Amino acid sequence: MTKSIVHNITNIAIVFSIAMFFSCTNSAKEVRDFLADKNLPIGEAIDINLKHTDSGRVDIKMKAPLMLDFANRENHPYSEFPKGIFITTIEKNGDSTTIQGDYAKTYSKTSVSEIKGNVEIINYTKKNKLETTEIFWDQKTHYFFTEKRFVFYTLTDTIYGTGFEASEDLDVWWVKNQSGVIEIKD
């Protein structure tokens, strides 16, 4: 008698499992659309330590405690770094620039990143340093820009202002509304 009860329970469990398996017919597109509608990421990465190479040479290092992947957005797919980001770019001659902030969002279609909160960009070779609350980084044109307040340090000057544009290595820069003492070379 107990064998037939166990056999019946096993059969019921198998039928129930098969019914559940075949009732889940959502396609991958339907799942992505559901996640997009609910503003949920399709992926999450923790403690990122990425190294990008070009011809066997490391040219970018990136660290972030958390990345959320919103590649399921049809018009503007992006990656979000809600707990901050730290990036080091390394030139062929060994020069390096670091970029860090408390929050970042990178749009994959445009290759433009928005970095916010305690933003700091340092070119170690030229000894230039930019501090601001928000910066946009166009990775295609290798260009930074902000309309926020900033402090820019060079070897000889400390420049305060609102509105700043610069090449990615902080070698060429433009200041909009500025104040501070600036040394002018003849």
N, C-alpha and C. Protein backbone atom coordinates (compact mmCIF):
# COMPACT_ATOMS: atom_id res chain seq x y z
N MET A 1 0.82 -1.18 0.00
CA MET A 1 0.00 0.00 0.00
C MET A 1 0.87 1.26 0.00
N THR A 2 1.94 1.28 0.77
CA THR A 2 2.80 2.45 0.83
C THR A 2 3.53 2.67 -0.48
N LYS A 3 3.82 1.57 -1.20
CA LYS A 3 4.48 1.72 -2.50
C LYS A 3 3.57 2.44 -3.48
N SER A 4 2.30 2.16 -3.45
CA SER A 4 1.37 2.80 -4.39
C SER A 4 1.18 4.27 -4.03
N ILE A 5 1.20 4.64 -2.77
CA ILE A 5 1.08 6.04 -2.35
C ILE A 5 2.32 6.81 -2.81
N VAL A 6 3.50 6.25 -2.59
CA VAL A 6 4.75 6.89 -3.02
C VAL A 6 4.76 7.02 -4.54
N HIS A 7 4.30 5.97 -5.23
CA HIS A 7 4.26 5.98 -6.68
C HIS A 7 3.29 7.07 -7.18
N ASN A 8 2.13 7.20 -6.55
CA ASN A 8 1.15 8.22 -6.93
C ASN A 8 1.69 9.63 -6.67
N ILE A 9 2.34 9.84 -5.55
CA ILE A 9 2.92 11.17 -5.22
C ILE A 9 4.01 11.51 -6.21
N THR A 10 4.84 10.53 -6.57
CA THR A 10 5.90 10.75 -7.54
C THR A 10 5.29 11.13 -8.89
N ASN A 11 4.26 10.42 -9.32
CA ASN A 11 3.60 10.74 -10.60
C ASN A 11 2.99 12.13 -10.59
N ILE A 12 2.36 12.50 -9.50
CA ILE A 12 1.78 13.84 -9.37
C ILE A 12 2.87 14.91 -9.45
N ALA A 13 3.98 14.68 -8.78
CA ALA A 13 5.10 15.64 -8.80
C ALA A 13 5.66 15.78 -10.21
N ILE A 14 5.78 14.66 -10.93
CA ILE A 14 6.30 14.71 -12.30
C ILE A 14 5.34 15.48 -13.20
N VAL A 15 4.05 15.19 -13.12
CA VAL A 15 3.06 15.89 -13.95
C VAL A 15 3.06 17.38 -13.62
N PHE A 16 3.13 17.74 -12.34
CA PHE A 16 3.15 19.14 -11.93
C PHE A 16 4.39 19.85 -12.47
N SER A 17 5.56 19.20 -12.39
CA SER A 17 6.81 19.79 -12.89
C SER A 17 6.75 20.01 -14.39
N ILE A 18 6.23 19.03 -15.13
CA ILE A 18 6.12 19.17 -16.58
C ILE A 18 5.16 20.30 -16.94
N ALA A 19 4.05 20.39 -16.23
CA ALA A 19 3.08 21.47 -16.49
C ALA A 19 3.72 22.84 -16.24
N MET A 20 4.49 22.96 -15.18
CA MET A 20 5.17 24.24 -14.89
C MET A 20 6.19 24.55 -15.97
N PHE A 21 6.93 23.55 -16.41
CA PHE A 21 7.97 23.75 -17.42
C PHE A 21 7.36 24.26 -18.72
N PHE A 22 6.26 23.67 -19.16
CA PHE A 22 5.66 24.06 -20.43
C PHE A 22 4.79 25.31 -20.32
N SER A 23 4.42 25.71 -19.12
CA SER A 23 3.62 26.92 -18.97
C SER A 23 4.49 28.18 -19.08
N CYS A 24 5.80 28.07 -18.93
CA CYS A 24 6.71 29.21 -19.03
C CYS A 24 7.14 29.35 -20.48
N THR A 25 6.37 30.10 -21.25
CA THR A 25 6.66 30.24 -22.68
C THR A 25 7.11 31.64 -23.04
N ASN A 26 7.51 32.47 -22.09
CA ASN A 26 7.96 33.81 -22.38
C ASN A 26 9.25 33.76 -23.18
N SER A 27 9.29 34.55 -24.24
CA SER A 27 10.51 34.63 -25.03
C SER A 27 11.49 35.56 -24.33
N ALA A 28 12.73 35.52 -24.77
CA ALA A 28 13.75 36.40 -24.18
C ALA A 28 13.37 37.86 -24.41
N LYS A 29 12.79 38.18 -25.57
CA LYS A 29 12.36 39.55 -25.85
C LYS A 29 11.27 40.00 -24.88
N GLU A 30 10.31 39.10 -24.58
CA GLU A 30 9.25 39.45 -23.63
C GLU A 30 9.82 39.73 -22.25
N VAL A 31 10.81 38.96 -21.84
CA VAL A 31 11.43 39.17 -20.52
C VAL A 31 12.17 40.50 -20.51
N ARG A 32 12.94 40.82 -21.57
CA ARG A 32 13.66 42.10 -21.65
C ARG A 32 12.67 43.27 -21.61
N ASP A 33 11.56 43.13 -22.39
CA ASP A 33 10.56 44.20 -22.40
C ASP A 33 9.92 44.38 -21.03
N PHE A 34 9.65 43.28 -20.33
CA PHE A 34 9.10 43.35 -18.97
C PHE A 34 10.05 44.09 -18.05
N LEU A 35 11.35 43.74 -18.12
CA LEU A 35 12.34 44.40 -17.26
C LEU A 35 12.47 45.88 -17.61
N ALA A 36 12.40 46.22 -18.90
CA ALA A 36 12.48 47.62 -19.31
C ALA A 36 11.27 48.39 -18.81
N ASP A 37 10.07 47.78 -18.91
CA ASP A 37 8.86 48.45 -18.43
C ASP A 37 8.92 48.72 -16.93
N LYS A 38 9.52 47.84 -16.19
CA LYS A 38 9.63 47.99 -14.74
C LYS A 38 10.88 48.76 -14.33
N ASN A 39 11.64 49.26 -15.33
CA ASN A 39 12.90 49.98 -15.12
C ASN A 39 13.89 49.15 -14.30
N LEU A 40 13.99 47.88 -14.66
CA LEU A 40 14.92 46.96 -14.00
C LEU A 40 16.08 46.64 -14.94
N PRO A 41 17.28 46.48 -14.42
CA PRO A 41 18.41 46.12 -15.28
C PRO A 41 18.30 44.66 -15.73
N ILE A 42 18.93 44.37 -16.88
CA ILE A 42 18.95 42.97 -17.33
C ILE A 42 20.17 42.25 -16.80
N GLY A 43 21.10 43.00 -16.20
CA GLY A 43 22.28 42.38 -15.62
C GLY A 43 22.85 43.23 -14.51
N GLU A 44 23.63 42.59 -13.66
CA GLU A 44 24.25 43.27 -12.52
C GLU A 44 25.62 42.65 -12.31
N ALA A 45 26.63 43.50 -12.14
CA ALA A 45 27.99 43.02 -11.88
C ALA A 45 28.50 43.68 -10.60
N ILE A 46 29.16 42.89 -9.77
CA ILE A 46 29.66 43.38 -8.48
C ILE A 46 31.18 43.30 -8.48
N ASP A 47 31.82 44.34 -7.91
CA ASP A 47 33.28 44.42 -7.78
C ASP A 47 33.98 44.22 -9.12
N ILE A 48 33.71 45.13 -10.04
CA ILE A 48 34.30 45.08 -11.38
C ILE A 48 35.75 45.51 -11.32
N ASN A 49 36.59 44.78 -12.02
CA ASN A 49 38.00 45.14 -12.21
C ASN A 49 38.32 44.80 -13.66
N LEU A 50 38.08 45.76 -14.56
CA LEU A 50 38.20 45.55 -15.99
C LEU A 50 39.51 46.12 -16.51
N LYS A 51 40.16 45.40 -17.39
CA LYS A 51 41.36 45.89 -18.07
C LYS A 51 41.14 45.73 -19.57
N HIS A 52 41.20 46.84 -20.30
CA HIS A 52 41.02 46.83 -21.75
C HIS A 52 42.40 46.90 -22.40
N THR A 53 42.60 46.06 -23.40
CA THR A 53 43.90 46.05 -24.08
C THR A 53 43.72 46.43 -25.54
N ASP A 54 44.75 47.04 -26.10
CA ASP A 54 44.82 47.36 -27.51
C ASP A 54 46.17 46.87 -28.01
N SER A 55 46.17 45.89 -28.89
CA SER A 55 47.39 45.28 -29.42
C SER A 55 48.27 44.72 -28.30
N GLY A 56 47.64 44.13 -27.29
CA GLY A 56 48.37 43.50 -26.20
C GLY A 56 48.82 44.46 -25.10
N ARG A 57 48.54 45.75 -25.25
CA ARG A 57 48.94 46.76 -24.27
C ARG A 57 47.70 47.24 -23.51
N VAL A 58 47.76 47.24 -22.18
CA VAL A 58 46.63 47.73 -21.37
C VAL A 58 46.53 49.23 -21.56
N ASP A 59 45.35 49.70 -22.02
CA ASP A 59 45.17 51.13 -22.21
C ASP A 59 44.09 51.73 -21.32
N ILE A 60 43.23 50.90 -20.74
CA ILE A 60 42.20 51.40 -19.81
C ILE A 60 42.01 50.38 -18.69
N LYS A 61 41.95 50.90 -17.48
CA LYS A 61 41.59 50.08 -16.31
C LYS A 61 40.38 50.74 -15.67
N MET A 62 39.41 49.91 -15.28
CA MET A 62 38.22 50.44 -14.65
C MET A 62 37.86 49.59 -13.44
N LYS A 63 37.53 50.27 -12.34
CA LYS A 63 37.06 49.60 -11.13
C LYS A 63 35.75 50.24 -10.71
N ALA A 64 34.83 49.39 -10.27
CA ALA A 64 33.54 49.87 -9.78
C ALA A 64 32.96 48.82 -8.85
N PRO A 65 32.35 49.23 -7.74
CA PRO A 65 31.75 48.26 -6.83
C PRO A 65 30.47 47.63 -7.40
N LEU A 66 29.76 48.34 -8.30
CA LEU A 66 28.50 47.82 -8.82
C LEU A 66 28.22 48.42 -10.18
N MET A 67 27.80 47.57 -11.14
CA MET A 67 27.35 48.04 -12.45
C MET A 67 25.99 47.41 -12.74
N LEU A 68 25.06 48.25 -13.18
CA LEU A 68 23.75 47.79 -13.60
C LEU A 68 23.65 47.95 -15.12
N ASP A 69 23.26 46.88 -15.81
CA ASP A 69 23.20 46.88 -17.27
C ASP A 69 21.77 47.11 -17.74
N PHE A 70 21.55 48.25 -18.38
CA PHE A 70 20.25 48.59 -18.94
C PHE A 70 20.32 48.55 -20.47
N ALA A 71 20.96 47.55 -21.03
CA ALA A 71 21.09 47.40 -22.48
C ALA A 71 19.76 47.06 -23.12
N ASN A 72 18.73 46.78 -22.33
CA ASN A 72 17.41 46.47 -22.85
C ASN A 72 16.62 47.71 -23.24
N ARG A 73 17.16 48.89 -23.05
CA ARG A 73 16.48 50.12 -23.45
C ARG A 73 16.64 50.27 -24.96
N GLU A 74 15.53 50.37 -25.65
CA GLU A 74 15.58 50.41 -27.12
C GLU A 74 16.25 51.67 -27.64
N ASN A 75 15.87 52.83 -27.13
CA ASN A 75 16.39 54.09 -27.65
C ASN A 75 17.72 54.51 -27.05
N HIS A 76 17.87 54.34 -25.75
CA HIS A 76 19.08 54.81 -25.07
C HIS A 76 19.62 53.76 -24.10
N PRO A 77 20.21 52.67 -24.61
CA PRO A 77 20.77 51.67 -23.69
C PRO A 77 21.96 52.27 -22.93
N TYR A 78 22.11 51.85 -21.67
CA TYR A 78 23.20 52.40 -20.86
C TYR A 78 23.62 51.43 -19.78
N SER A 79 24.77 51.73 -19.19
CA SER A 79 25.25 51.05 -17.99
C SER A 79 25.31 52.09 -16.89
N GLU A 80 24.91 51.69 -15.69
CA GLU A 80 24.87 52.61 -14.56
C GLU A 80 25.81 52.10 -13.47
N PHE A 81 26.53 53.04 -12.86
CA PHE A 81 27.46 52.73 -11.78
C PHE A 81 27.01 53.53 -10.54
N PRO A 82 26.02 53.04 -9.81
CA PRO A 82 25.43 53.82 -8.72
C PRO A 82 26.31 53.99 -7.49
N LYS A 83 27.36 53.19 -7.36
CA LYS A 83 28.24 53.29 -6.20
C LYS A 83 29.61 53.84 -6.56
N GLY A 84 29.72 54.47 -7.72
CA GLY A 84 30.95 55.12 -8.10
C GLY A 84 31.76 54.34 -9.12
N ILE A 85 32.80 55.03 -9.64
CA ILE A 85 33.65 54.46 -10.68
C ILE A 85 35.04 55.07 -10.58
N PHE A 86 36.05 54.30 -10.96
CA PHE A 86 37.43 54.78 -11.01
C PHE A 86 38.06 54.25 -12.29
N ILE A 87 38.48 55.15 -13.18
CA ILE A 87 39.03 54.77 -14.49
C ILE A 87 40.43 55.34 -14.62
N THR A 88 41.34 54.54 -15.15
CA THR A 88 42.68 54.98 -15.48
C THR A 88 42.89 54.76 -16.96
N THR A 89 43.25 55.83 -17.69
CA THR A 89 43.61 55.68 -19.09
C THR A 89 45.13 55.76 -19.19
N ILE A 90 45.70 54.89 -20.01
CA ILE A 90 47.16 54.82 -20.12
C ILE A 90 47.54 55.00 -21.58
N GLU A 91 48.32 56.05 -21.86
CA GLU A 91 48.76 56.34 -23.23
C GLU A 91 49.93 55.43 -23.61
N LYS A 92 50.23 55.38 -24.90
CA LYS A 92 51.35 54.54 -25.38
C LYS A 92 52.68 54.95 -24.78
N ASN A 93 52.85 56.25 -24.49
CA ASN A 93 54.11 56.73 -23.91
C ASN A 93 54.16 56.55 -22.39
N GLY A 94 53.12 55.97 -21.81
CA GLY A 94 53.10 55.71 -20.36
C GLY A 94 52.36 56.74 -19.54
N ASP A 95 51.98 57.89 -20.16
CA ASP A 95 51.21 58.90 -19.43
C ASP A 95 49.88 58.31 -18.99
N SER A 96 49.41 58.72 -17.82
CA SER A 96 48.12 58.21 -17.35
C SER A 96 47.25 59.35 -16.81
N THR A 97 45.95 59.16 -16.97
CA THR A 97 44.95 60.08 -16.45
C THR A 97 43.94 59.24 -15.70
N THR A 98 43.53 59.71 -14.51
CA THR A 98 42.49 59.01 -13.75
C THR A 98 41.23 59.85 -13.71
N ILE A 99 40.10 59.17 -13.73
CA ILE A 99 38.80 59.80 -13.66
C ILE A 99 38.02 59.05 -12.59
N GLN A 100 37.44 59.78 -11.64
CA GLN A 100 36.63 59.12 -10.62
C GLN A 100 35.45 59.98 -10.23
N GLY A 101 34.40 59.30 -9.76
CA GLY A 101 33.21 59.99 -9.30
C GLY A 101 32.35 59.04 -8.49
N ASP A 102 31.37 59.61 -7.79
CA ASP A 102 30.50 58.83 -6.91
C ASP A 102 29.40 58.10 -7.67
N TYR A 103 29.12 58.52 -8.91
CA TYR A 103 28.04 57.94 -9.71
C TYR A 103 28.39 58.14 -11.18
N ALA A 104 28.05 57.17 -12.02
CA ALA A 104 28.29 57.32 -13.45
C ALA A 104 27.23 56.58 -14.25
N LYS A 105 27.02 57.08 -15.45
CA LYS A 105 26.12 56.45 -16.40
C LYS A 105 26.78 56.57 -17.77
N THR A 106 26.89 55.45 -18.49
CA THR A 106 27.51 55.43 -19.82
C THR A 106 26.49 54.96 -20.84
N TYR A 107 26.28 55.78 -21.86
CA TYR A 107 25.34 55.45 -22.93
C TYR A 107 26.11 54.75 -24.06
N SER A 108 25.71 53.52 -24.38
CA SER A 108 26.47 52.72 -25.33
C SER A 108 26.34 53.20 -26.77
N LYS A 109 25.20 53.76 -27.17
CA LYS A 109 25.04 54.21 -28.55
C LYS A 109 25.87 55.45 -28.86
N THR A 110 26.00 56.34 -27.91
CA THR A 110 26.71 57.60 -28.14
C THR A 110 28.12 57.62 -27.59
N SER A 111 28.46 56.66 -26.73
CA SER A 111 29.77 56.63 -26.05
C SER A 111 30.01 57.89 -25.22
N VAL A 112 28.95 58.42 -24.65
CA VAL A 112 29.06 59.58 -23.75
C VAL A 112 28.77 59.09 -22.33
N SER A 113 29.62 59.48 -21.40
CA SER A 113 29.44 59.13 -20.00
C SER A 113 29.15 60.39 -19.19
N GLU A 114 28.29 60.23 -18.20
CA GLU A 114 27.97 61.29 -17.25
C GLU A 114 28.50 60.83 -15.90
N ILE A 115 29.38 61.62 -15.31
CA ILE A 115 29.97 61.26 -14.02
C ILE A 115 29.61 62.37 -13.03
N LYS A 116 29.09 61.97 -11.86
CA LYS A 116 28.60 62.95 -10.89
C LYS A 116 29.17 62.67 -9.50
N GLY A 117 29.19 63.72 -8.69
CA GLY A 117 29.53 63.60 -7.27
C GLY A 117 31.02 63.43 -7.03
N ASN A 118 31.65 64.44 -6.49
CA ASN A 118 33.09 64.41 -6.16
C ASN A 118 33.92 63.94 -7.35
N VAL A 119 33.67 64.54 -8.51
CA VAL A 119 34.40 64.17 -9.72
C VAL A 119 35.82 64.74 -9.62
N GLU A 120 36.78 63.88 -9.93
CA GLU A 120 38.19 64.28 -9.90
C GLU A 120 38.88 63.65 -11.11
N ILE A 121 39.55 64.49 -11.90
CA ILE A 121 40.31 64.03 -13.06
C ILE A 121 41.73 64.53 -12.88
N ILE A 122 42.70 63.61 -12.97
CA ILE A 122 44.10 63.97 -12.76
C ILE A 122 44.94 63.46 -13.92
N ASN A 123 45.76 64.35 -14.48
CA ASN A 123 46.79 63.95 -15.44
C ASN A 123 48.10 63.99 -14.66
N TYR A 124 48.68 62.82 -14.43
CA TYR A 124 49.86 62.72 -13.58
C TYR A 124 51.11 63.26 -14.23
N THR A 125 51.21 63.20 -15.54
CA THR A 125 52.40 63.70 -16.22
C THR A 125 52.44 65.22 -16.21
N LYS A 126 51.33 65.84 -16.56
CA LYS A 126 51.26 67.31 -16.64
C LYS A 126 50.96 67.95 -15.28
N LYS A 127 50.60 67.13 -14.30
CA LYS A 127 50.26 67.60 -12.94
C LYS A 127 49.05 68.52 -12.96
N ASN A 128 48.08 68.23 -13.84
CA ASN A 128 46.82 68.97 -13.89
C ASN A 128 45.75 68.17 -13.16
N LYS A 129 44.86 68.91 -12.48
CA LYS A 129 43.80 68.25 -11.73
C LYS A 129 42.53 69.08 -11.83
N LEU A 130 41.41 68.41 -12.13
CA LEU A 130 40.11 69.06 -12.21
C LEU A 130 39.21 68.47 -11.14
N GLU A 131 38.52 69.35 -10.40
CA GLU A 131 37.52 68.92 -9.42
C GLU A 131 36.21 69.62 -9.76
N THR A 132 35.11 68.85 -9.80
CA THR A 132 33.80 69.40 -10.09
C THR A 132 32.73 68.45 -9.54
N THR A 133 31.47 68.81 -9.70
CA THR A 133 30.39 67.95 -9.22
C THR A 133 29.79 67.11 -10.35
N GLU A 134 30.04 67.49 -11.60
CA GLU A 134 29.48 66.75 -12.73
C GLU A 134 30.33 67.00 -13.97
N ILE A 135 30.57 65.95 -14.73
CA ILE A 135 31.32 66.09 -15.99
C ILE A 135 30.72 65.12 -17.01
N PHE A 136 30.75 65.53 -18.25
CA PHE A 136 30.36 64.66 -19.36
C PHE A 136 31.62 64.32 -20.13
N TRP A 137 31.74 63.06 -20.53
CA TRP A 137 32.95 62.57 -21.19
C TRP A 137 32.55 61.93 -22.50
N ASP A 138 32.93 62.56 -23.62
CA ASP A 138 32.68 62.00 -24.95
C ASP A 138 33.88 61.14 -25.30
N GLN A 139 33.70 59.83 -25.25
CA GLN A 139 34.81 58.91 -25.45
C GLN A 139 35.20 58.78 -26.92
N LYS A 140 34.31 59.15 -27.84
CA LYS A 140 34.66 59.11 -29.27
C LYS A 140 35.60 60.26 -29.63
N THR A 141 35.32 61.45 -29.10
CA THR A 141 36.15 62.61 -29.41
C THR A 141 37.22 62.88 -28.35
N HIS A 142 37.24 62.07 -27.28
CA HIS A 142 38.22 62.21 -26.19
C HIS A 142 38.15 63.61 -25.59
N TYR A 143 36.97 63.96 -25.08
CA TYR A 143 36.66 65.32 -24.69
C TYR A 143 35.81 65.35 -23.42
N PHE A 144 36.15 66.24 -22.46
CA PHE A 144 35.38 66.46 -21.24
C PHE A 144 34.68 67.82 -21.32
N PHE A 145 33.47 67.92 -20.72
CA PHE A 145 32.83 69.23 -20.61
C PHE A 145 31.87 69.24 -19.43
N THR A 146 31.71 70.43 -18.84
CA THR A 146 30.77 70.65 -17.75
C THR A 146 30.31 72.09 -17.76
N GLU A 147 29.12 72.32 -17.27
CA GLU A 147 28.61 73.67 -17.06
C GLU A 147 28.54 73.98 -15.57
N LYS A 148 29.02 73.08 -14.75
CA LYS A 148 29.00 73.23 -13.29
C LYS A 148 30.24 73.99 -12.82
N ARG A 149 30.22 74.33 -11.52
CA ARG A 149 31.38 74.97 -10.90
C ARG A 149 32.54 73.98 -10.86
N PHE A 150 33.76 74.49 -10.92
CA PHE A 150 34.94 73.63 -10.94
C PHE A 150 36.12 74.34 -10.29
N VAL A 151 37.14 73.56 -9.97
CA VAL A 151 38.46 74.06 -9.59
C VAL A 151 39.44 73.28 -10.45
N PHE A 152 40.35 74.01 -11.12
CA PHE A 152 41.34 73.39 -11.99
C PHE A 152 42.73 73.80 -11.51
N TYR A 153 43.55 72.81 -11.22
CA TYR A 153 44.89 73.05 -10.72
C TYR A 153 45.91 72.71 -11.81
N THR A 154 46.85 73.63 -12.02
CA THR A 154 48.01 73.34 -12.88
C THR A 154 49.24 73.50 -11.99
N LEU A 155 50.41 73.33 -12.56
CA LEU A 155 51.64 73.51 -11.77
C LEU A 155 51.76 74.91 -11.19
N THR A 156 51.23 75.92 -11.91
CA THR A 156 51.41 77.31 -11.47
C THR A 156 50.12 78.01 -11.06
N ASP A 157 48.95 77.46 -11.42
CA ASP A 157 47.69 78.18 -11.22
C ASP A 157 46.63 77.34 -10.52
N THR A 158 45.73 78.05 -9.85
CA THR A 158 44.49 77.47 -9.36
C THR A 158 43.37 78.31 -9.93
N ILE A 159 42.53 77.69 -10.78
CA ILE A 159 41.49 78.42 -11.50
C ILE A 159 40.13 77.95 -11.00
N TYR A 160 39.29 78.91 -10.63
CA TYR A 160 37.92 78.64 -10.22
C TYR A 160 36.99 79.14 -11.30
N GLY A 161 35.85 78.50 -11.46
CA GLY A 161 34.92 79.00 -12.45
C GLY A 161 33.70 78.13 -12.61
N THR A 162 32.92 78.48 -13.62
CA THR A 162 31.73 77.73 -14.01
C THR A 162 31.83 77.51 -15.51
N GLY A 163 31.81 76.24 -15.93
CA GLY A 163 31.92 75.91 -17.35
C GLY A 163 33.35 75.60 -17.73
N PHE A 164 33.60 74.37 -18.11
CA PHE A 164 34.96 73.93 -18.40
C PHE A 164 34.90 72.89 -19.53
N GLU A 165 35.85 72.96 -20.45
CA GLU A 165 35.99 71.99 -21.52
C GLU A 165 37.46 71.63 -21.62
N ALA A 166 37.75 70.36 -21.94
CA ALA A 166 39.15 69.95 -22.02
C ALA A 166 39.30 68.69 -22.87
N SER A 167 40.50 68.51 -23.38
CA SER A 167 40.84 67.24 -24.01
C SER A 167 40.91 66.18 -22.91
N GLU A 168 40.83 64.95 -23.31
CA GLU A 168 40.77 63.84 -22.35
C GLU A 168 41.98 63.79 -21.42
N ASP A 169 43.13 64.27 -21.87
CA ASP A 169 44.34 64.23 -21.04
C ASP A 169 44.57 65.55 -20.29
N LEU A 170 43.60 66.47 -20.34
CA LEU A 170 43.66 67.79 -19.69
C LEU A 170 44.82 68.64 -20.22
N ASP A 171 45.33 68.32 -21.39
CA ASP A 171 46.43 69.08 -21.97
C ASP A 171 45.92 70.38 -22.59
N VAL A 172 44.83 70.31 -23.33
CA VAL A 172 44.21 71.49 -23.93
C VAL A 172 42.89 71.72 -23.20
N TRP A 173 42.68 72.96 -22.70
CA TRP A 173 41.48 73.23 -21.93
C TRP A 173 40.97 74.64 -22.16
N TRP A 174 39.66 74.81 -21.95
CA TRP A 174 38.99 76.09 -22.09
C TRP A 174 38.15 76.33 -20.85
N VAL A 175 38.21 77.57 -20.36
CA VAL A 175 37.46 77.94 -19.16
C VAL A 175 36.45 79.00 -19.57
N LYS A 176 35.23 78.89 -19.09
CA LYS A 176 34.20 79.87 -19.45
C LYS A 176 34.21 81.02 -18.44
N ASN A 177 33.52 80.93 -17.35
CA ASN A 177 33.48 81.98 -16.34
C ASN A 177 34.50 81.65 -15.27
N GLN A 178 35.58 82.39 -15.24
CA GLN A 178 36.70 82.04 -14.37
C GLN A 178 37.02 83.13 -13.36
N SER A 179 37.75 82.68 -12.32
CA SER A 179 38.31 83.61 -11.35
C SER A 179 39.58 82.96 -10.82
N GLY A 180 40.40 83.73 -10.17
CA GLY A 180 41.65 83.20 -9.63
C GLY A 180 42.84 83.86 -10.29
N VAL A 181 44.01 83.61 -9.75
CA VAL A 181 45.24 84.17 -10.28
C VAL A 181 45.79 83.22 -11.32
N ILE A 182 46.04 83.73 -12.52
CA ILE A 182 46.54 82.91 -13.61
C ILE A 182 47.84 83.51 -14.13
N GLU A 183 48.86 82.69 -14.24
CA GLU A 183 50.15 83.16 -14.77
C GLU A 183 50.08 83.16 -16.29
N ILE A 184 50.41 84.30 -16.90
CA ILE A 184 50.38 84.42 -18.36
C ILE A 184 51.82 84.43 -18.85
N LYS A 185 52.10 83.53 -19.80
CA LYS A 185 53.44 83.42 -20.37
C LYS A 185 53.50 84.18 -21.67
N ASP A 186 54.60 84.91 -21.88
CA ASP A 186 54.77 85.67 -23.13
C ASP A 186 55.24 84.79 -24.26
